[in-house]
Amino acid sequence: MSKSAVLLGSLALALALGAGYLLRELHAERARVVALQARVAELERAGPAAIPRAEPQTAETGHGVAPEPAVSHDPAQTPSTPGTKRVPSGERESPDAAEVRRQLLDPQIRATELAYARLELEWRNRDLATALNLQPNEAAHLLDLLAKQEIDERLYDMLDSDRVREMLANNGGRLTDEEARTRLEQRAERRRQVEAERAALIGDVKLAEFNEYVKAFPARAEVRELQTMLAETTYPLRSDQVTPMIAALAAELQRHEAERSRLYDGAKNPPTPEETIQYMHERLKLIEQSLQRRHQLAAAYLDTEQIKRYDEMLSFERRRAQIDHDGFVAVNRNAPRDGAGR
């Protein structure tokens, strides 16, 4: 091979690596902007009286808050951003949120965002056609629809935040029962419209399969991570292990999500510091129980060395949950008792 060929090959490799780095940086910047707008005013449930589903608060941001992020695995749903906090009455939105909304209303920028969302969906759901037994053109049309719905949902969330902010300003920082009920009904109706659009494209049977596929997304992501960890070892994850483990893990994760939801639903609004501490104790117990069940179910599918690596993954989750717990307990233990949780 000539020196010029080697030089050209090296240059091509450098350009490819540089392009990959640039794409990751653009992705990170885009995620930061979206996170900023999501942080502004997405109120869970019936407004600011509800316990915000957020990560541990610092001494500057408050106390008496239970961390239960509302996670949607639906490709067209914009996940709630950790760190979401209550919006005081009359608080103005950030310039970042206003700019993101303006961009989504601009046809050319919207087209770019749509293309980016479509690319992300294709990558995250690269097994979609196989899982649902779709023809390539059917999968492509479904991804097109999901991308459109994702952008529409993002814009809807921002406009909904505008409406909520106005209602809060007019009602002393709280939603009336009627306003809260109307908002929930509007969101339910929007969800029905989204489902109807999908059913019109792929039919009711495939839609039911797709919804099950979405529910199993966290399990698939976890098994993929394990596959990556084991890929370069002498004990890689085999294809006959993947499907049954995803199914078992999906059932466990859905069980755990239901347990966490029941715990959250039983919490008072707003909680006192003592109630938040107790909530965090119960939350940590549920997480530990789920981690133990996941270890047990994995043992039925994984070999000895594979289960050791899977336990490493579970260990990181356990440590993160403990940090969440300790952070909330520390903040609430030192919180003032008058007006607690407000």
C-alpha atoms as a PDB file:
ATOM      1  CA  MET A   1       0.000   0.000   0.000  1.00  0.00           C
ATOM      2  CA  SER A   2       1.397   3.407  -0.987  1.00  0.00           C
ATOM      3  CA  LYS A   3       2.079   6.196   1.483  1.00  0.00           C
ATOM      4  CA  SER A   4      -0.554   8.357  -0.188  1.00  0.00           C
ATOM      5  CA  ALA A   5      -3.191   5.657   0.298  1.00  0.00           C
ATOM      6  CA  VAL A   6      -2.260   5.333   3.948  1.00  0.00           C
ATOM      7  CA  LEU A   7      -2.404   9.100   4.368  1.00  0.00           C
ATOM      8  CA  LEU A   8      -5.825   9.309   2.710  1.00  0.00           C
ATOM      9  CA  GLY A   9      -7.098   6.464   4.858  1.00  0.00           C
ATOM     10  CA  SER A  10      -5.895   8.148   8.026  1.00  0.00           C
ATOM     11  CA  LEU A  11      -7.466  11.425   6.971  1.00  0.00           C
ATOM     12  CA  ALA A  12     -10.804   9.729   6.280  1.00  0.00           C
ATOM     13  CA  LEU A  13     -10.731   8.059   9.685  1.00  0.00           C
ATOM     14  CA  ALA A  14      -9.946  11.360  11.412  1.00  0.00           C
ATOM     15  CA  LEU A  15     -12.817  13.074   9.594  1.00  0.00           C
ATOM     16  CA  ALA A  16     -15.224  10.291  10.571  1.00  0.00           C
ATOM     17  CA  LEU A  17     -14.187  10.509  14.211  1.00  0.00           C
ATOM     18  CA  GLY A  18     -14.511  14.277  14.143  1.00  0.00           C
ATOM     19  CA  ALA A  19     -17.995  14.042  12.620  1.00  0.00           C
ATOM     20  CA  GLY A  20     -19.040  11.591  15.303  1.00  0.00           C
ATOM     21  CA  TYR A  21     -17.768  13.879  18.037  1.00  0.00           C
ATOM     22  CA  LEU A  22     -19.560  16.862  16.509  1.00  0.00           C
ATOM     23  CA  LEU A  23     -22.823  14.911  16.317  1.00  0.00           C
ATOM     24  CA  ARG A  24     -22.560  13.983  19.984  1.00  0.00           C
ATOM     25  CA  GLU A  25     -21.869  17.600  20.934  1.00  0.00           C
ATOM     26  CA  LEU A  26     -24.852  18.833  18.912  1.00  0.00           C
ATOM     27  CA  HIS A  27     -27.011  16.184  20.537  1.00  0.00           C
ATOM     28  CA  ALA A  28     -25.901  17.263  24.005  1.00  0.00           C
ATOM     29  CA  GLU A  29     -26.560  20.932  23.257  1.00  0.00           C
ATOM     30  CA  ARG A  30     -29.999  20.177  21.851  1.00  0.00           C
ATOM     31  CA  ALA A  31     -30.841  18.087  24.909  1.00  0.00           C
ATOM     32  CA  ARG A  32     -29.722  20.948  27.167  1.00  0.00           C
ATOM     33  CA  VAL A  33     -32.076  23.412  25.464  1.00  0.00           C
ATOM     34  CA  VAL A  34     -35.019  21.020  25.629  1.00  0.00           C
ATOM     35  CA  ALA A  35     -34.246  20.314  29.281  1.00  0.00           C
ATOM     36  CA  LEU A  36     -34.273  24.022  30.059  1.00  0.00           C
ATOM     37  CA  GLN A  37     -37.718  24.510  28.566  1.00  0.00           C
ATOM     38  CA  ALA A  38     -39.067  21.395  30.246  1.00  0.00           C
ATOM     39  CA  ARG A  39     -37.787  22.587  33.626  1.00  0.00           C
ATOM     40  CA  VAL A  40     -39.887  25.732  33.520  1.00  0.00           C
ATOM     41  CA  ALA A  41     -43.447  24.803  34.294  1.00  0.00           C
ATOM     42  CA  GLU A  42     -44.520  21.232  33.616  1.00  0.00           C
ATOM     43  CA  LEU A  43     -46.710  20.647  36.644  1.00  0.00           C
ATOM     44  CA  GLU A  44     -47.636  17.114  37.479  1.00  0.00           C
ATOM     45  CA  ARG A  45     -51.186  16.114  38.358  1.00  0.00           C
ATOM     46  CA  ALA A  46     -53.324  18.990  39.638  1.00  0.00           C
ATOM     47  CA  GLY A  47     -50.786  21.745  39.758  1.00  0.00           C
ATOM     48  CA  PRO A  48     -48.395  23.149  42.354  1.00  0.00           C
ATOM     49  CA  ALA A  49     -50.220  21.561  45.269  1.00  0.00           C
ATOM     50  CA  ALA A  50     -49.007  18.193  44.026  1.00  0.00           C
ATOM     51  CA  ILE A  51     -45.693  16.754  45.106  1.00  0.00           C
ATOM     52  CA  PRO A  52     -43.278  17.624  42.302  1.00  0.00           C
ATOM     53  CA  ARG A  53     -41.659  14.581  40.779  1.00  0.00           C
ATOM     54  CA  ALA A  54     -38.092  15.768  40.976  1.00  0.00           C
ATOM     55  CA  GLU A  55     -34.586  14.918  41.930  1.00  0.00           C
ATOM     56  CA  PRO A  56     -33.264  15.835  45.392  1.00  0.00           C
ATOM     57  CA  GLN A  57     -33.537  19.523  46.129  1.00  0.00           C
ATOM     58  CA  THR A  58     -30.692  21.586  47.433  1.00  0.00           C
ATOM     59  CA  ALA A  59     -30.948  23.924  50.402  1.00  0.00           C
ATOM     60  CA  GLU A  60     -31.563  26.743  47.899  1.00  0.00           C
ATOM     61  CA  THR A  61     -34.463  25.066  46.060  1.00  0.00           C
ATOM     62  CA  GLY A  62     -36.517  23.764  48.950  1.00  0.00           C
ATOM     63  CA  HIS A  63     -37.464  20.648  50.824  1.00  0.00           C
ATOM     64  CA  GLY A  64     -40.319  18.265  51.449  1.00  0.00           C
ATOM     65  CA  VAL A  65     -40.281  17.024  47.857  1.00  0.00           C
ATOM     66  CA  ALA A  66     -40.572  13.386  46.813  1.00  0.00           C
ATOM     67  CA  PRO A  67     -38.486  12.273  43.813  1.00  0.00           C
ATOM     68  CA  GLU A  68     -40.722  10.321  41.449  1.00  0.00           C
ATOM     69  CA  PRO A  69     -39.977  11.411  37.864  1.00  0.00           C
ATOM     70  CA  ALA A  70     -42.895  10.803  35.537  1.00  0.00           C
ATOM     71  CA  VAL A  71     -41.156   8.659  32.958  1.00  0.00           C
ATOM     72  CA  SER A  72     -42.866   7.875  29.673  1.00  0.00           C
ATOM     73  CA  HIS A  73     -41.303   5.296  27.387  1.00  0.00           C
ATOM     74  CA  ASP A  74     -43.602   6.247  24.542  1.00  0.00           C
ATOM     75  CA  PRO A  75     -41.385   7.451  21.673  1.00  0.00           C
ATOM     76  CA  ALA A  76     -43.667  10.432  21.097  1.00  0.00           C
ATOM     77  CA  GLN A  77     -43.713  11.559  24.727  1.00  0.00           C
ATOM     78  CA  THR A  78     -41.165  14.078  25.923  1.00  0.00           C
ATOM     79  CA  PRO A  79     -39.766  12.747  29.239  1.00  0.00           C
ATOM     80  CA  SER A  80     -40.138  14.946  32.273  1.00  0.00           C
ATOM     81  CA  THR A  81     -36.822  16.494  33.130  1.00  0.00           C
ATOM     82  CA  PRO A  82     -35.258  15.697  36.521  1.00  0.00           C
ATOM     83  CA  GLY A  83     -35.087  18.881  38.504  1.00  0.00           C
ATOM     84  CA  THR A  84     -38.603  20.060  37.638  1.00  0.00           C
ATOM     85  CA  LYS A  85     -39.850  22.281  40.445  1.00  0.00           C
ATOM     86  CA  ARG A  86     -42.992  24.141  41.302  1.00  0.00           C
ATOM     87  CA  VAL A  87     -43.549  27.413  39.505  1.00  0.00           C
ATOM     88  CA  PRO A  88     -44.472  30.204  41.897  1.00  0.00           C
ATOM     89  CA  SER A  89     -47.432  32.365  40.990  1.00  0.00           C
ATOM     90  CA  GLY A  90     -46.565  34.902  38.331  1.00  0.00           C
ATOM     91  CA  GLU A  91     -43.108  33.487  37.609  1.00  0.00           C
ATOM     92  CA  ARG A  92     -42.036  34.265  34.072  1.00  0.00           C
ATOM     93  CA  GLU A  93     -40.728  31.550  31.793  1.00  0.00           C
ATOM     94  CA  SER A  94     -37.052  31.408  30.945  1.00  0.00           C
ATOM     95  CA  PRO A  95     -35.759  32.967  27.705  1.00  0.00           C
ATOM     96  CA  ASP A  96     -34.598  29.473  26.709  1.00  0.00           C
ATOM     97  CA  ALA A  97     -38.159  28.118  26.796  1.00  0.00           C
ATOM     98  CA  ALA A  98     -39.500  31.015  24.757  1.00  0.00           C
ATOM     99  CA  GLU A  99     -36.759  30.504  22.193  1.00  0.00           C
ATOM    100  CA  VAL A 100     -37.437  26.771  21.866  1.00  0.00           C
ATOM    101  CA  ARG A 101     -41.146  27.474  21.338  1.00  0.00           C
ATOM    102  CA  ARG A 102     -40.351  30.089  18.707  1.00  0.00           C
ATOM    103  CA  GLN A 103     -38.110  27.623  16.910  1.00  0.00           C
ATOM    104  CA  LEU A 104     -40.743  24.879  16.901  1.00  0.00           C
ATOM    105  CA  LEU A 105     -43.206  27.295  15.305  1.00  0.00           C
ATOM    106  CA  ASP A 106     -40.731  28.205  12.560  1.00  0.00           C
ATOM    107  CA  PRO A 107     -41.385  25.886   9.556  1.00  0.00           C
ATOM    108  CA  GLN A 108     -37.738  25.495   8.563  1.00  0.00           C
ATOM    109  CA  ILE A 109     -36.454  24.887  12.093  1.00  0.00           C
ATOM    110  CA  ARG A 110     -39.375  22.551  12.764  1.00  0.00           C
ATOM    111  CA  ALA A 111     -38.402  20.536   9.684  1.00  0.00           C
ATOM    112  CA  THR A 112     -34.869  20.205  11.049  1.00  0.00           C
ATOM    113  CA  GLU A 113     -36.134  19.183  14.477  1.00  0.00           C
ATOM    114  CA  LEU A 114     -38.463  16.690  12.834  1.00  0.00           C
ATOM    115  CA  ALA A 115     -35.611  15.129  10.882  1.00  0.00           C
ATOM    116  CA  TYR A 116     -33.495  14.929  14.010  1.00  0.00           C
ATOM    117  CA  ALA A 117     -36.321  13.328  16.013  1.00  0.00           C
ATOM    118  CA  ARG A 118     -36.878  10.837  13.174  1.00  0.00           C
ATOM    119  CA  LEU A 119     -33.198   9.877  13.208  1.00  0.00           C
ATOM    120  CA  GLU A 120     -33.179   9.432  16.978  1.00  0.00           C
ATOM    121  CA  LEU A 121     -36.329   7.286  16.871  1.00  0.00           C
ATOM    122  CA  GLU A 122     -34.911   5.098  14.140  1.00  0.00           C
ATOM    123  CA  TRP A 123     -31.791   4.460  16.214  1.00  0.00           C
ATOM    124  CA  ARG A 124     -33.563   3.849  19.524  1.00  0.00           C
ATOM    125  CA  ASN A 125     -36.140   1.571  17.887  1.00  0.00           C
ATOM    126  CA  ARG A 126     -33.908  -0.218  15.408  1.00  0.00           C
ATOM    127  CA  ASP A 127     -35.608  -3.537  16.177  1.00  0.00           C
ATOM    128  CA  LEU A 128     -39.102  -2.096  15.621  1.00  0.00           C
ATOM    129  CA  ALA A 129     -39.737  -3.763  12.252  1.00  0.00           C
ATOM    130  CA  THR A 130     -38.619  -7.155  13.542  1.00  0.00           C
ATOM    131  CA  ALA A 131     -40.528  -6.914  16.825  1.00  0.00           C
ATOM    132  CA  LEU A 132     -43.812  -5.939  15.141  1.00  0.00           C
ATOM    133  CA  ASN A 133     -43.231  -7.929  11.937  1.00  0.00           C
ATOM    134  CA  LEU A 134     -43.548  -4.803   9.815  1.00  0.00           C
ATOM    135  CA  GLN A 135     -42.440  -4.343   6.251  1.00  0.00           C
ATOM    136  CA  PRO A 136     -39.640  -1.750   5.835  1.00  0.00           C
ATOM    137  CA  ASN A 137     -42.031   0.836   4.351  1.00  0.00           C
ATOM    138  CA  GLU A 138     -44.549   0.243   7.177  1.00  0.00           C
ATOM    139  CA  ALA A 139     -41.860   0.759   9.821  1.00  0.00           C
ATOM    140  CA  ALA A 140     -40.684   3.902   8.017  1.00  0.00           C
ATOM    141  CA  HIS A 141     -44.216   5.386   7.969  1.00  0.00           C
ATOM    142  CA  LEU A 142     -44.662   4.583  11.661  1.00  0.00           C
ATOM    143  CA  LEU A 143     -41.378   6.290  12.539  1.00  0.00           C
ATOM    144  CA  ASP A 144     -42.442   9.320  10.493  1.00  0.00           C
ATOM    145  CA  LEU A 145     -45.667   9.534  12.505  1.00  0.00           C
ATOM    146  CA  LEU A 146     -43.893   9.058  15.841  1.00  0.00           C
ATOM    147  CA  ALA A 147     -41.418  11.826  15.002  1.00  0.00           C
ATOM    148  CA  LYS A 148     -44.257  14.219  14.127  1.00  0.00           C
ATOM    149  CA  GLN A 149     -46.084  13.323  17.343  1.00  0.00           C
ATOM    150  CA  GLU A 150     -42.933  13.868  19.394  1.00  0.00           C
ATOM    151  CA  ILE A 151     -42.475  17.400  18.048  1.00  0.00           C
ATOM    152  CA  ASP A 152     -46.194  18.137  18.442  1.00  0.00           C
ATOM    153  CA  GLU A 153     -46.101  16.866  22.034  1.00  0.00           C
ATOM    154  CA  ARG A 154     -43.146  19.090  22.848  1.00  0.00           C
ATOM    155  CA  LEU A 155     -44.970  22.134  21.524  1.00  0.00           C
ATOM    156  CA  TYR A 156     -48.194  21.130  23.289  1.00  0.00           C
ATOM    157  CA  ASP A 157     -46.339  20.855  26.601  1.00  0.00           C
ATOM    158  CA  MET A 158     -44.982  24.378  26.205  1.00  0.00           C
ATOM    159  CA  LEU A 159     -48.367  25.838  25.322  1.00  0.00           C
ATOM    160  CA  ASP A 160     -49.917  23.922  28.223  1.00  0.00           C
ATOM    161  CA  SER A 161     -47.296  25.427  30.521  1.00  0.00           C
ATOM    162  CA  ASP A 162     -48.297  28.869  29.276  1.00  0.00           C
ATOM    163  CA  ARG A 163     -51.928  28.169  30.149  1.00  0.00           C
ATOM    164  CA  VAL A 164     -51.027  26.812  33.573  1.00  0.00           C
ATOM    165  CA  ARG A 165     -48.796  29.786  34.316  1.00  0.00           C
ATOM    166  CA  GLU A 166     -51.638  32.153  33.468  1.00  0.00           C
ATOM    167  CA  MET A 167     -54.088  30.241  35.673  1.00  0.00           C
ATOM    168  CA  LEU A 168     -51.624  30.259  38.558  1.00  0.00           C
ATOM    169  CA  ALA A 169     -51.148  33.989  38.232  1.00  0.00           C
ATOM    170  CA  ASN A 170     -54.911  34.506  38.348  1.00  0.00           C
ATOM    171  CA  ASN A 171     -55.563  32.178  41.292  1.00  0.00           C
ATOM    172  CA  GLY A 172     -52.870  32.958  43.830  1.00  0.00           C
ATOM    173  CA  GLY A 173     -50.499  30.186  42.777  1.00  0.00           C
ATOM    174  CA  ARG A 174     -52.995  27.294  42.748  1.00  0.00           C
ATOM    175  CA  LEU A 175     -55.242  25.630  40.202  1.00  0.00           C
ATOM    176  CA  THR A 176     -58.923  25.406  41.013  1.00  0.00           C
ATOM    177  CA  ASP A 177     -60.491  21.943  41.064  1.00  0.00           C
ATOM    178  CA  GLU A 178     -62.266  22.700  37.805  1.00  0.00           C
ATOM    179  CA  GLU A 179     -59.062  23.890  36.124  1.00  0.00           C
ATOM    180  CA  ALA A 180     -57.166  20.828  37.269  1.00  0.00           C
ATOM    181  CA  ARG A 181     -59.959  18.521  36.090  1.00  0.00           C
ATOM    182  CA  THR A 182     -60.170  20.291  32.711  1.00  0.00           C
ATOM    183  CA  ARG A 183     -56.428  20.017  32.226  1.00  0.00           C
ATOM    184  CA  LEU A 184     -56.480  16.280  32.927  1.00  0.00           C
ATOM    185  CA  GLU A 185     -59.396  15.816  30.522  1.00  0.00           C
ATOM    186  CA  GLN A 186     -57.555  17.743  27.817  1.00  0.00           C
ATOM    187  CA  ARG A 187     -54.478  15.598  28.230  1.00  0.00           C
ATOM    188  CA  ALA A 188     -56.561  12.426  28.144  1.00  0.00           C
ATOM    189  CA  GLU A 189     -58.255  13.592  24.949  1.00  0.00           C
ATOM    190  CA  ARG A 190     -54.913  14.378  23.395  1.00  0.00           C
ATOM    191  CA  ARG A 191     -53.695  10.905  24.287  1.00  0.00           C
ATOM    192  CA  ARG A 192     -56.746   9.399  22.577  1.00  0.00           C
ATOM    193  CA  GLN A 193     -55.995  11.433  19.452  1.00  0.00           C
ATOM    194  CA  VAL A 194     -52.415  10.171  19.422  1.00  0.00           C
ATOM    195  CA  GLU A 195     -53.594   6.566  19.743  1.00  0.00           C
ATOM    196  CA  ALA A 196     -56.188   7.089  17.004  1.00  0.00           C
ATOM    197  CA  GLU A 197     -53.543   8.390  14.586  1.00  0.00           C
ATOM    198  CA  ARG A 198     -51.382   5.341  15.227  1.00  0.00           C
ATOM    199  CA  ALA A 199     -54.301   2.918  14.880  1.00  0.00           C
ATOM    200  CA  ALA A 200     -55.285   4.527  11.576  1.00  0.00           C
ATOM    201  CA  LEU A 201     -51.774   3.852  10.273  1.00  0.00           C
ATOM    202  CA  ILE A 202     -50.993   0.338  11.539  1.00  0.00           C
ATOM    203  CA  GLY A 203     -54.357  -1.013  12.742  1.00  0.00           C
ATOM    204  CA  ASP A 204     -55.617  -1.949  16.188  1.00  0.00           C
ATOM    205  CA  VAL A 205     -53.788  -5.287  16.377  1.00  0.00           C
ATOM    206  CA  LYS A 206     -50.394  -3.833  15.531  1.00  0.00           C
ATOM    207  CA  LEU A 207     -51.085  -0.887  17.829  1.00  0.00           C
ATOM    208  CA  ALA A 208     -51.589  -3.265  20.753  1.00  0.00           C
ATOM    209  CA  GLU A 209     -48.307  -4.973  19.842  1.00  0.00           C
ATOM    210  CA  PHE A 210     -46.606  -1.603  19.574  1.00  0.00           C
ATOM    211  CA  ASN A 211     -47.843  -0.552  23.014  1.00  0.00           C
ATOM    212  CA  GLU A 212     -46.395  -3.748  24.494  1.00  0.00           C
ATOM    213  CA  TYR A 213     -43.175  -3.040  22.630  1.00  0.00           C
ATOM    214  CA  VAL A 214     -43.070   0.428  24.212  1.00  0.00           C
ATOM    215  CA  LYS A 215     -43.677  -0.964  27.697  1.00  0.00           C
ATOM    216  CA  ALA A 216     -40.709  -3.305  27.255  1.00  0.00           C
ATOM    217  CA  PHE A 217     -38.374  -0.493  26.186  1.00  0.00           C
ATOM    218  CA  PRO A 218     -36.570  -0.159  29.565  1.00  0.00           C
ATOM    219  CA  ALA A 219     -36.007  -3.919  29.645  1.00  0.00           C
ATOM    220  CA  ARG A 220     -34.637  -3.959  26.110  1.00  0.00           C
ATOM    221  CA  ALA A 221     -32.334  -1.046  26.923  1.00  0.00           C
ATOM    222  CA  GLU A 222     -31.022  -2.848  29.999  1.00  0.00           C
ATOM    223  CA  VAL A 223     -30.379  -6.089  28.115  1.00  0.00           C
ATOM    224  CA  ARG A 224     -28.671  -4.154  25.314  1.00  0.00           C
ATOM    225  CA  GLU A 225     -26.373  -2.553  27.863  1.00  0.00           C
ATOM    226  CA  LEU A 226     -25.533  -5.979  29.214  1.00  0.00           C
ATOM    227  CA  GLN A 227     -24.884  -7.223  25.681  1.00  0.00           C
ATOM    228  CA  THR A 228     -22.454  -4.362  25.156  1.00  0.00           C
ATOM    229  CA  MET A 229     -20.658  -5.099  28.426  1.00  0.00           C
ATOM    230  CA  LEU A 230     -20.254  -8.769  27.519  1.00  0.00           C
ATOM    231  CA  ALA A 231     -19.517  -8.372  23.812  1.00  0.00           C
ATOM    232  CA  GLU A 232     -15.722  -8.388  24.176  1.00  0.00           C
ATOM    233  CA  THR A 233     -15.602 -11.122  26.811  1.00  0.00           C
ATOM    234  CA  THR A 234     -15.358 -14.879  26.380  1.00  0.00           C
ATOM    235  CA  TYR A 235     -18.949 -15.190  27.616  1.00  0.00           C
ATOM    236  CA  PRO A 236     -21.076 -12.870  25.390  1.00  0.00           C
ATOM    237  CA  LEU A 237     -24.830 -12.822  25.717  1.00  0.00           C
ATOM    238  CA  ARG A 238     -26.359 -15.404  23.387  1.00  0.00           C
ATOM    239  CA  SER A 239     -29.401 -14.774  21.196  1.00  0.00           C
ATOM    240  CA  ASP A 240     -31.370 -17.506  22.989  1.00  0.00           C
ATOM    241  CA  GLN A 241     -30.884 -15.619  26.273  1.00  0.00           C
ATOM    242  CA  VAL A 242     -32.002 -12.206  25.037  1.00  0.00           C
ATOM    243  CA  THR A 243     -35.715 -12.602  24.250  1.00  0.00           C
ATOM    244  CA  PRO A 244     -36.793 -14.494  27.392  1.00  0.00           C
ATOM    245  CA  MET A 245     -34.763 -12.205  29.636  1.00  0.00           C
ATOM    246  CA  ILE A 246     -36.328  -9.100  28.080  1.00  0.00           C
ATOM    247  CA  ALA A 247     -39.817 -10.517  28.652  1.00  0.00           C
ATOM    248  CA  ALA A 248     -39.131 -11.426  32.294  1.00  0.00           C
ATOM    249  CA  LEU A 249     -37.366  -8.147  33.010  1.00  0.00           C
ATOM    250  CA  ALA A 250     -40.159  -6.111  31.396  1.00  0.00           C
ATOM    251  CA  ALA A 251     -42.712  -7.753  33.698  1.00  0.00           C
ATOM    252  CA  GLU A 252     -40.596  -6.989  36.758  1.00  0.00           C
ATOM    253  CA  LEU A 253     -39.968  -3.366  35.785  1.00  0.00           C
ATOM    254  CA  GLN A 254     -43.685  -2.819  35.186  1.00  0.00           C
ATOM    255  CA  ARG A 255     -44.444  -4.366  38.582  1.00  0.00           C
ATOM    256  CA  HIS A 256     -41.913  -2.070  40.234  1.00  0.00           C
ATOM    257  CA  GLU A 257     -43.288   0.987  38.432  1.00  0.00           C
ATOM    258  CA  ALA A 258     -46.791   0.118  39.680  1.00  0.00           C
ATOM    259  CA  GLU A 259     -45.484  -0.241  43.254  1.00  0.00           C
ATOM    260  CA  ARG A 260     -43.730   3.108  43.075  1.00  0.00           C
ATOM    261  CA  SER A 261     -46.869   4.736  41.646  1.00  0.00           C
ATOM    262  CA  ARG A 262     -48.988   3.407  44.516  1.00  0.00           C
ATOM    263  CA  LEU A 263     -46.465   4.725  47.015  1.00  0.00           C
ATOM    264  CA  TYR A 264     -46.446   8.104  45.317  1.00  0.00           C
ATOM    265  CA  ASP A 265     -50.244   8.245  45.085  1.00  0.00           C
ATOM    266  CA  GLY A 266     -50.471   7.596  48.817  1.00  0.00           C
ATOM    267  CA  ALA A 267     -48.224  10.515  49.720  1.00  0.00           C
ATOM    268  CA  LYS A 268     -49.734  13.709  51.094  1.00  0.00           C
ATOM    269  CA  ASN A 269     -49.774  16.943  49.121  1.00  0.00           C
ATOM    270  CA  PRO A 270     -47.741  18.804  50.173  1.00  0.00           C
ATOM    271  CA  PRO A 271     -45.674  16.604  52.509  1.00  0.00           C
ATOM    272  CA  THR A 272     -43.987  17.636  55.727  1.00  0.00           C
ATOM    273  CA  PRO A 273     -40.235  17.001  56.029  1.00  0.00           C
ATOM    274  CA  GLU A 274     -40.958  13.997  58.272  1.00  0.00           C
ATOM    275  CA  GLU A 275     -43.372  12.562  55.697  1.00  0.00           C
ATOM    276  CA  THR A 276     -40.858  13.037  52.930  1.00  0.00           C
ATOM    277  CA  ILE A 277     -38.188  11.200  54.943  1.00  0.00           C
ATOM    278  CA  GLN A 278     -40.588   8.310  55.556  1.00  0.00           C
ATOM    279  CA  TYR A 279     -41.503   8.313  51.880  1.00  0.00           C
ATOM    280  CA  MET A 280     -37.840   8.038  50.926  1.00  0.00           C
ATOM    281  CA  HIS A 281     -37.342   5.113  53.327  1.00  0.00           C
ATOM    282  CA  GLU A 282     -40.241   3.248  51.692  1.00  0.00           C
ATOM    283  CA  ARG A 283     -39.031   4.150  48.215  1.00  0.00           C
ATOM    284  CA  LEU A 284     -35.571   2.764  48.920  1.00  0.00           C
ATOM    285  CA  LYS A 285     -37.093  -0.476  50.217  1.00  0.00           C
ATOM    286  CA  LEU A 286     -39.120  -0.920  47.022  1.00  0.00           C
ATOM    287  CA  ILE A 287     -36.056  -0.315  44.870  1.00  0.00           C
ATOM    288  CA  GLU A 288     -33.986  -2.828  46.826  1.00  0.00           C
ATOM    289  CA  GLN A 289     -36.728  -5.442  46.581  1.00  0.00           C
ATOM    290  CA  SER A 290     -36.944  -4.942  42.822  1.00  0.00           C
ATOM    291  CA  LEU A 291     -33.172  -5.194  42.433  1.00  0.00           C
ATOM    292  CA  GLN A 292     -33.203  -8.489  44.306  1.00  0.00           C
ATOM    293  CA  ARG A 293     -35.985  -9.836  42.096  1.00  0.00           C
ATOM    294  CA  ARG A 294     -34.081  -8.765  38.984  1.00  0.00           C
ATOM    295  CA  HIS A 295     -31.006 -10.623  40.186  1.00  0.00           C
ATOM    296  CA  GLN A 296     -33.097 -13.734  40.783  1.00  0.00           C
ATOM    297  CA  LEU A 297     -34.800 -13.685  37.397  1.00  0.00           C
ATOM    298  CA  ALA A 298     -31.500 -13.003  35.608  1.00  0.00           C
ATOM    299  CA  ALA A 299     -29.980 -16.041  37.286  1.00  0.00           C
ATOM    300  CA  ALA A 300     -32.459 -18.192  35.360  1.00  0.00           C
ATOM    301  CA  TYR A 301     -31.070 -16.993  32.016  1.00  0.00           C
ATOM    302  CA  LEU A 302     -27.447 -15.984  32.579  1.00  0.00           C
ATOM    303  CA  ASP A 303     -24.283 -17.973  33.147  1.00  0.00           C
ATOM    304  CA  THR A 304     -22.138 -17.534  36.251  1.00  0.00           C
ATOM    305  CA  GLU A 305     -19.790 -14.921  34.776  1.00  0.00           C
ATOM    306  CA  GLN A 306     -22.619 -13.120  33.020  1.00  0.00           C
ATOM    307  CA  ILE A 307     -24.606 -12.738  36.230  1.00  0.00           C
ATOM    308  CA  LYS A 308     -21.571 -11.191  37.916  1.00  0.00           C
ATOM    309  CA  ARG A 309     -21.485  -8.448  35.297  1.00  0.00           C
ATOM    310  CA  TYR A 310     -25.243  -7.943  35.531  1.00  0.00           C
ATOM    311  CA  ASP A 311     -24.907  -7.541  39.286  1.00  0.00           C
ATOM    312  CA  GLU A 312     -22.426  -4.722  38.599  1.00  0.00           C
ATOM    313  CA  MET A 313     -25.182  -2.914  36.686  1.00  0.00           C
ATOM    314  CA  LEU A 314     -27.618  -3.455  39.539  1.00  0.00           C
ATOM    315  CA  SER A 315     -25.029  -2.191  41.995  1.00  0.00           C
ATOM    316  CA  PHE A 316     -24.896   1.177  40.232  1.00  0.00           C
ATOM    317  CA  GLU A 317     -28.687   1.485  40.471  1.00  0.00           C
ATOM    318  CA  ARG A 318     -28.550   0.608  44.157  1.00  0.00           C
ATOM    319  CA  ARG A 319     -25.903   3.265  44.805  1.00  0.00           C
ATOM    320  CA  ARG A 320     -27.853   5.909  42.890  1.00  0.00           C
ATOM    321  CA  ALA A 321     -31.011   5.129  44.858  1.00  0.00           C
ATOM    322  CA  GLN A 322     -29.061   5.374  48.118  1.00  0.00           C
ATOM    323  CA  ILE A 323     -27.664   8.767  47.091  1.00  0.00           C
ATOM    324  CA  ASP A 324     -31.196   9.980  46.279  1.00  0.00           C
ATOM    325  CA  HIS A 325     -32.371   8.751  49.667  1.00  0.00           C
ATOM    326  CA  ASP A 326     -29.513  10.252  51.644  1.00  0.00           C
ATOM    327  CA  GLY A 327     -29.801  13.594  49.872  1.00  0.00           C
ATOM    328  CA  PHE A 328     -33.494  13.976  50.611  1.00  0.00           C
ATOM    329  CA  VAL A 329     -33.148  12.816  54.185  1.00  0.00           C
ATOM    330  CA  ALA A 330     -30.322  15.272  54.833  1.00  0.00           C
ATOM    331  CA  VAL A 331     -32.226  18.234  53.366  1.00  0.00           C
ATOM    332  CA  ASN A 332     -35.511  17.430  55.099  1.00  0.00           C
ATOM    333  CA  ARG A 333     -33.924  16.613  58.440  1.00  0.00           C
ATOM    334  CA  ASN A 334     -32.607  20.177  58.576  1.00  0.00           C
ATOM    335  CA  ALA A 335     -35.682  21.826  57.071  1.00  0.00           C
ATOM    336  CA  PRO A 336     -37.655  24.445  59.047  1.00  0.00           C
ATOM    337  CA  ARG A 337     -40.847  22.954  60.477  1.00  0.00           C
ATOM    338  CA  ASP A 338     -43.178  25.896  59.944  1.00  0.00           C
ATOM    339  CA  GLY A 339     -44.721  25.850  56.456  1.00  0.00           C
ATOM    340  CA  ALA A 340     -42.925  22.592  55.747  1.00  0.00           C
ATOM    341  CA  GLY A 341     -43.195  21.218  52.268  1.00  0.00           C
ATOM    342  CA  ARG A 342     -44.454  24.457  50.760  1.00  0.00           C
END
